[in-house]
């Protein structure tokens, strides 16, 4: 087994520092540009959901666009590839893995955000600051989603489901909450 030299370690630290600074610059640019974007109210609204911070919200809306174009949440879930595949033969029907069709960037953002529902429902200081910027109807959607999804996560894990499968199931339901929030904002304008 070989060990990295001090010079190698310094190089690794420098590379990480440069990437971190680049990410901070890009996020600052996004923060400056989004308020003038026509989807800014939707970006703000979906940040009311636990696990959906600014960058994830921008990714979702940039990748999905006009969410109310989906007639119902199931269409959005299907578009994101978060619905289970089905195998049927005669009277026998089995569900398989998710289809993974559609937009992988948006699907990944939802799955990453879904991990936040492992913990009991509560409003953190960061989430509270985001909630203060949105209408009461969006706050209600956020809280109902949080209570429901935290409970669902615990229930599925208690049934012995694999944590990754549970998180994908939570992400699928999060898509419905994103859809409902976007529809609420669209109805207000």
C-alpha atoms as a PDB file:
ATOM      1  CA  UNK A   1       0.000   0.000   0.000  1.00  0.00           C
ATOM      2  CA  UNK A   2       1.413   3.365  -0.951  1.00  0.00           C
ATOM      3  CA  UNK A   3       0.744   6.591   0.865  1.00  0.00           C
ATOM      4  CA  UNK A   4       0.319  10.011  -0.708  1.00  0.00           C
ATOM      5  CA  UNK A   5       3.182  12.396  -0.133  1.00  0.00           C
ATOM      6  CA  UNK A   6       2.706  15.767   1.539  1.00  0.00           C
ATOM      7  CA  UNK A   7       2.948  17.411  -1.895  1.00  0.00           C
ATOM      8  CA  UNK A   8       0.205  15.120  -3.237  1.00  0.00           C
ATOM      9  CA  UNK A   9      -2.028  15.938  -0.273  1.00  0.00           C
ATOM     10  CA  UNK A  10      -1.522  19.657  -0.811  1.00  0.00           C
ATOM     11  CA  UNK A  11      -2.425  19.212  -4.473  1.00  0.00           C
ATOM     12  CA  UNK A  12      -5.624  17.371  -3.529  1.00  0.00           C
ATOM     13  CA  UNK A  13      -6.567  20.074  -1.038  1.00  0.00           C
ATOM     14  CA  UNK A  14      -5.891  22.774  -3.660  1.00  0.00           C
ATOM     15  CA  UNK A  15      -8.086  20.958  -6.217  1.00  0.00           C
ATOM     16  CA  UNK A  16     -10.963  20.623  -3.742  1.00  0.00           C
ATOM     17  CA  UNK A  17     -10.621  24.288  -2.749  1.00  0.00           C
ATOM     18  CA  UNK A  18     -10.701  25.413  -6.398  1.00  0.00           C
ATOM     19  CA  UNK A  19     -13.804  23.335  -7.132  1.00  0.00           C
ATOM     20  CA  UNK A  20     -15.536  24.629  -4.016  1.00  0.00           C
ATOM     21  CA  UNK A  21     -14.785  28.232  -4.996  1.00  0.00           C
ATOM     22  CA  UNK A  22     -16.071  27.573  -8.531  1.00  0.00           C
ATOM     23  CA  UNK A  23     -19.313  26.136  -7.149  1.00  0.00           C
ATOM     24  CA  UNK A  24     -19.745  29.160  -4.904  1.00  0.00           C
ATOM     25  CA  UNK A  25     -19.253  31.509  -7.879  1.00  0.00           C
ATOM     26  CA  UNK A  26     -21.790  29.577  -9.961  1.00  0.00           C
ATOM     27  CA  UNK A  27     -24.331  29.565  -7.128  1.00  0.00           C
ATOM     28  CA  UNK A  28     -23.879  33.316  -6.659  1.00  0.00           C
ATOM     29  CA  UNK A  29     -24.507  33.810 -10.384  1.00  0.00           C
ATOM     30  CA  UNK A  30     -27.667  31.679 -10.170  1.00  0.00           C
ATOM     31  CA  UNK A  31     -28.841  33.669  -7.124  1.00  0.00           C
ATOM     32  CA  UNK A  32     -28.410  36.854  -9.165  1.00  0.00           C
ATOM     33  CA  UNK A  33     -30.154  35.554 -12.316  1.00  0.00           C
ATOM     34  CA  UNK A  34     -33.142  33.597 -10.953  1.00  0.00           C
ATOM     35  CA  UNK A  35     -35.167  36.568  -9.594  1.00  0.00           C
ATOM     36  CA  UNK A  36     -35.630  37.885 -13.143  1.00  0.00           C
ATOM     37  CA  UNK A  37     -36.546  34.425 -14.513  1.00  0.00           C
ATOM     38  CA  UNK A  38     -40.204  33.853 -15.344  1.00  0.00           C
ATOM     39  CA  UNK A  39     -40.177  30.660 -13.236  1.00  0.00           C
ATOM     40  CA  UNK A  40     -38.786  32.423 -10.140  1.00  0.00           C
ATOM     41  CA  UNK A  41     -42.093  32.162  -8.189  1.00  0.00           C
ATOM     42  CA  UNK A  42     -42.184  28.400  -8.802  1.00  0.00           C
ATOM     43  CA  UNK A  43     -38.526  28.035  -7.767  1.00  0.00           C
ATOM     44  CA  UNK A  44     -39.330  29.877  -4.552  1.00  0.00           C
ATOM     45  CA  UNK A  45     -42.469  27.817  -3.919  1.00  0.00           C
ATOM     46  CA  UNK A  46     -40.878  24.398  -4.273  1.00  0.00           C
ATOM     47  CA  UNK A  47     -38.084  25.411  -1.911  1.00  0.00           C
ATOM     48  CA  UNK A  48     -40.754  25.230   0.790  1.00  0.00           C
ATOM     49  CA  UNK A  49     -40.406  21.448   0.536  1.00  0.00           C
ATOM     50  CA  UNK A  50     -37.913  19.792   2.833  1.00  0.00           C
ATOM     51  CA  UNK A  51     -34.888  18.570   0.872  1.00  0.00           C
ATOM     52  CA  UNK A  52     -35.350  21.073  -1.973  1.00  0.00           C
ATOM     53  CA  UNK A  53     -32.858  23.888  -1.529  1.00  0.00           C
ATOM     54  CA  UNK A  54     -32.169  26.617  -4.071  1.00  0.00           C
ATOM     55  CA  UNK A  55     -29.922  24.689  -6.470  1.00  0.00           C
ATOM     56  CA  UNK A  56     -32.198  21.635  -6.526  1.00  0.00           C
ATOM     57  CA  UNK A  57     -35.223  23.872  -7.158  1.00  0.00           C
ATOM     58  CA  UNK A  58     -33.475  25.580 -10.063  1.00  0.00           C
ATOM     59  CA  UNK A  59     -32.444  22.208 -11.518  1.00  0.00           C
ATOM     60  CA  UNK A  60     -35.998  20.881 -11.269  1.00  0.00           C
ATOM     61  CA  UNK A  61     -37.615  23.876 -12.931  1.00  0.00           C
ATOM     62  CA  UNK A  62     -34.889  24.307 -15.553  1.00  0.00           C
ATOM     63  CA  UNK A  63     -35.266  20.646 -16.519  1.00  0.00           C
ATOM     64  CA  UNK A  64     -39.056  20.389 -16.247  1.00  0.00           C
ATOM     65  CA  UNK A  65     -40.272  23.854 -17.255  1.00  0.00           C
ATOM     66  CA  UNK A  66     -44.017  24.443 -17.051  1.00  0.00           C
ATOM     67  CA  UNK A  67     -45.159  21.856 -14.489  1.00  0.00           C
ATOM     68  CA  UNK A  68     -48.898  22.529 -14.806  1.00  0.00           C
ATOM     69  CA  UNK A  69     -48.619  21.187 -18.377  1.00  0.00           C
ATOM     70  CA  UNK A  70     -48.818  17.775 -16.745  1.00  0.00           C
ATOM     71  CA  UNK A  71     -52.510  17.020 -16.254  1.00  0.00           C
ATOM     72  CA  UNK A  72     -51.832  15.169 -13.000  1.00  0.00           C
ATOM     73  CA  UNK A  73     -48.928  14.191 -10.746  1.00  0.00           C
ATOM     74  CA  UNK A  74     -48.784  10.678 -12.189  1.00  0.00           C
ATOM     75  CA  UNK A  75     -47.840  12.106 -15.589  1.00  0.00           C
ATOM     76  CA  UNK A  76     -44.977  14.007 -13.970  1.00  0.00           C
ATOM     77  CA  UNK A  77     -43.844  10.913 -12.049  1.00  0.00           C
ATOM     78  CA  UNK A  78     -43.878   8.927 -15.271  1.00  0.00           C
ATOM     79  CA  UNK A  79     -42.004  11.675 -17.148  1.00  0.00           C
ATOM     80  CA  UNK A  80     -39.319  11.579 -14.458  1.00  0.00           C
ATOM     81  CA  UNK A  81     -38.992   7.801 -14.723  1.00  0.00           C
ATOM     82  CA  UNK A  82     -39.990   7.313 -11.088  1.00  0.00           C
ATOM     83  CA  UNK A  83     -42.804   4.846 -11.777  1.00  0.00           C
ATOM     84  CA  UNK A  84     -42.224   1.102 -11.428  1.00  0.00           C
ATOM     85  CA  UNK A  85     -41.974  -0.977 -14.570  1.00  0.00           C
ATOM     86  CA  UNK A  86     -44.643  -3.658 -14.945  1.00  0.00           C
ATOM     87  CA  UNK A  87     -44.263  -7.223 -16.163  1.00  0.00           C
ATOM     88  CA  UNK A  88     -47.422  -9.142 -16.873  1.00  0.00           C
ATOM     89  CA  UNK A  89     -48.237 -12.528 -18.306  1.00  0.00           C
ATOM     90  CA  UNK A  90     -51.797 -13.767 -18.271  1.00  0.00           C
ATOM     91  CA  UNK A  91     -53.222 -13.063 -14.846  1.00  0.00           C
ATOM     92  CA  UNK A  92     -49.814 -12.607 -13.252  1.00  0.00           C
ATOM     93  CA  UNK A  93     -48.559  -9.049 -12.836  1.00  0.00           C
ATOM     94  CA  UNK A  94     -45.277  -8.025 -11.232  1.00  0.00           C
ATOM     95  CA  UNK A  95     -43.756  -4.622 -10.651  1.00  0.00           C
ATOM     96  CA  UNK A  96     -40.076  -4.139 -11.325  1.00  0.00           C
ATOM     97  CA  UNK A  97     -37.525  -1.382 -10.903  1.00  0.00           C
ATOM     98  CA  UNK A  98     -38.318   2.202 -11.850  1.00  0.00           C
ATOM     99  CA  UNK A  99     -38.381   2.879 -15.583  1.00  0.00           C
ATOM    100  CA  UNK A 100     -35.689   5.610 -15.482  1.00  0.00           C
ATOM    101  CA  UNK A 101     -37.183   7.140 -18.615  1.00  0.00           C
ATOM    102  CA  UNK A 102     -37.352  10.883 -18.870  1.00  0.00           C
ATOM    103  CA  UNK A 103     -35.195  13.464 -17.240  1.00  0.00           C
ATOM    104  CA  UNK A 104     -32.343  12.024 -15.167  1.00  0.00           C
ATOM    105  CA  UNK A 105     -31.176  15.414 -13.797  1.00  0.00           C
ATOM    106  CA  UNK A 106     -34.555  16.227 -12.296  1.00  0.00           C
ATOM    107  CA  UNK A 107     -34.977  12.637 -11.055  1.00  0.00           C
ATOM    108  CA  UNK A 108     -31.573  12.778  -9.337  1.00  0.00           C
ATOM    109  CA  UNK A 109     -32.426  16.130  -7.682  1.00  0.00           C
ATOM    110  CA  UNK A 110     -35.635  14.652  -6.252  1.00  0.00           C
ATOM    111  CA  UNK A 111     -33.954  11.462  -5.063  1.00  0.00           C
ATOM    112  CA  UNK A 112     -31.213  13.452  -3.341  1.00  0.00           C
ATOM    113  CA  UNK A 113     -33.834  15.630  -1.652  1.00  0.00           C
ATOM    114  CA  UNK A 114     -35.848  12.593  -0.590  1.00  0.00           C
ATOM    115  CA  UNK A 115     -33.112  11.526   1.823  1.00  0.00           C
ATOM    116  CA  UNK A 116     -34.166  14.443   4.073  1.00  0.00           C
ATOM    117  CA  UNK A 117     -37.344  12.555   4.964  1.00  0.00           C
ATOM    118  CA  UNK A 118     -35.390   9.928   6.951  1.00  0.00           C
ATOM    119  CA  UNK A 119     -35.692  12.213   9.946  1.00  0.00           C
ATOM    120  CA  UNK A 120     -38.852  13.111  11.893  1.00  0.00           C
ATOM    121  CA  UNK A 121     -41.012  15.954  10.601  1.00  0.00           C
ATOM    122  CA  UNK A 122     -39.872  19.350  11.857  1.00  0.00           C
ATOM    123  CA  UNK A 123     -39.244  22.811  10.517  1.00  0.00           C
ATOM    124  CA  UNK A 124     -35.551  23.673  10.673  1.00  0.00           C
ATOM    125  CA  UNK A 125     -34.328  27.237  10.861  1.00  0.00           C
ATOM    126  CA  UNK A 126     -33.281  27.126   7.188  1.00  0.00           C
ATOM    127  CA  UNK A 127     -36.649  25.760   6.094  1.00  0.00           C
ATOM    128  CA  UNK A 128     -38.474  28.338   8.218  1.00  0.00           C
ATOM    129  CA  UNK A 129     -36.644  31.143   6.388  1.00  0.00           C
ATOM    130  CA  UNK A 130     -37.767  29.687   3.049  1.00  0.00           C
ATOM    131  CA  UNK A 131     -41.337  29.177   4.278  1.00  0.00           C
ATOM    132  CA  UNK A 132     -41.660  32.827   5.275  1.00  0.00           C
ATOM    133  CA  UNK A 133     -41.319  33.830   1.602  1.00  0.00           C
ATOM    134  CA  UNK A 134     -44.235  31.749   0.301  1.00  0.00           C
ATOM    135  CA  UNK A 135     -48.045  31.937   0.629  1.00  0.00           C
ATOM    136  CA  UNK A 136     -49.902  29.975   3.308  1.00  0.00           C
ATOM    137  CA  UNK A 137     -51.244  27.473   0.749  1.00  0.00           C
ATOM    138  CA  UNK A 138     -47.662  26.515  -0.202  1.00  0.00           C
ATOM    139  CA  UNK A 139     -46.706  26.274   3.487  1.00  0.00           C
ATOM    140  CA  UNK A 140     -49.637  23.903   4.013  1.00  0.00           C
ATOM    141  CA  UNK A 141     -48.539  21.704   1.095  1.00  0.00           C
ATOM    142  CA  UNK A 142     -45.023  21.647   2.539  1.00  0.00           C
ATOM    143  CA  UNK A 143     -46.093  20.619   6.034  1.00  0.00           C
ATOM    144  CA  UNK A 144     -48.554  17.951   4.821  1.00  0.00           C
ATOM    145  CA  UNK A 145     -45.838  16.554   2.567  1.00  0.00           C
ATOM    146  CA  UNK A 146     -43.325  16.498   5.381  1.00  0.00           C
ATOM    147  CA  UNK A 147     -45.612  14.685   7.816  1.00  0.00           C
ATOM    148  CA  UNK A 148     -46.769  12.201   5.177  1.00  0.00           C
ATOM    149  CA  UNK A 149     -43.350  11.469   3.684  1.00  0.00           C
ATOM    150  CA  UNK A 150     -41.520  11.114   7.014  1.00  0.00           C
ATOM    151  CA  UNK A 151     -44.193   8.673   8.183  1.00  0.00           C
ATOM    152  CA  UNK A 152     -44.093   6.782   4.879  1.00  0.00           C
ATOM    153  CA  UNK A 153     -40.304   6.500   5.041  1.00  0.00           C
ATOM    154  CA  UNK A 154     -40.430   4.988   8.547  1.00  0.00           C
ATOM    155  CA  UNK A 155     -43.275   2.636   7.603  1.00  0.00           C
ATOM    156  CA  UNK A 156     -41.507   1.299   4.499  1.00  0.00           C
ATOM    157  CA  UNK A 157     -38.196   0.802   6.307  1.00  0.00           C
ATOM    158  CA  UNK A 158     -40.025  -0.985   9.148  1.00  0.00           C
ATOM    159  CA  UNK A 159     -41.488  -3.367   6.540  1.00  0.00           C
ATOM    160  CA  UNK A 160     -37.932  -4.304   5.587  1.00  0.00           C
ATOM    161  CA  UNK A 161     -37.672  -2.385   2.327  1.00  0.00           C
ATOM    162  CA  UNK A 162     -34.216  -1.411   1.094  1.00  0.00           C
ATOM    163  CA  UNK A 163     -33.394   2.223   2.008  1.00  0.00           C
ATOM    164  CA  UNK A 164     -32.620   3.128  -1.618  1.00  0.00           C
ATOM    165  CA  UNK A 165     -35.977   1.794  -2.783  1.00  0.00           C
ATOM    166  CA  UNK A 166     -37.717   3.689  -0.004  1.00  0.00           C
ATOM    167  CA  UNK A 167     -35.998   6.933  -1.007  1.00  0.00           C
ATOM    168  CA  UNK A 168     -37.103   6.468  -4.624  1.00  0.00           C
ATOM    169  CA  UNK A 169     -40.687   5.935  -3.421  1.00  0.00           C
ATOM    170  CA  UNK A 170     -40.411   9.145  -1.380  1.00  0.00           C
ATOM    171  CA  UNK A 171     -38.980  10.989  -4.418  1.00  0.00           C
ATOM    172  CA  UNK A 172     -41.980   9.812  -6.460  1.00  0.00           C
ATOM    173  CA  UNK A 173     -44.351  11.340  -3.916  1.00  0.00           C
ATOM    174  CA  UNK A 174     -42.191  14.474  -3.705  1.00  0.00           C
ATOM    175  CA  UNK A 175     -42.799  14.917  -7.435  1.00  0.00           C
ATOM    176  CA  UNK A 176     -46.522  15.136  -6.673  1.00  0.00           C
ATOM    177  CA  UNK A 177     -45.831  17.811  -4.036  1.00  0.00           C
ATOM    178  CA  UNK A 178     -43.675  19.770  -6.485  1.00  0.00           C
ATOM    179  CA  UNK A 179     -46.495  19.534  -9.036  1.00  0.00           C
ATOM    180  CA  UNK A 180     -49.092  20.727  -6.486  1.00  0.00           C
ATOM    181  CA  UNK A 181     -46.896  23.667  -5.428  1.00  0.00           C
ATOM    182  CA  UNK A 182     -46.277  24.721  -9.035  1.00  0.00           C
ATOM    183  CA  UNK A 183     -49.986  24.452  -9.806  1.00  0.00           C
ATOM    184  CA  UNK A 184     -50.821  26.574  -6.761  1.00  0.00           C
ATOM    185  CA  UNK A 185     -48.376  29.281  -7.885  1.00  0.00           C
ATOM    186  CA  UNK A 186     -49.701  29.130 -11.474  1.00  0.00           C
ATOM    187  CA  UNK A 187     -53.246  29.550 -10.182  1.00  0.00           C
ATOM    188  CA  UNK A 188     -52.208  32.620  -8.175  1.00  0.00           C
ATOM    189  CA  UNK A 189     -50.864  34.382 -11.266  1.00  0.00           C
END
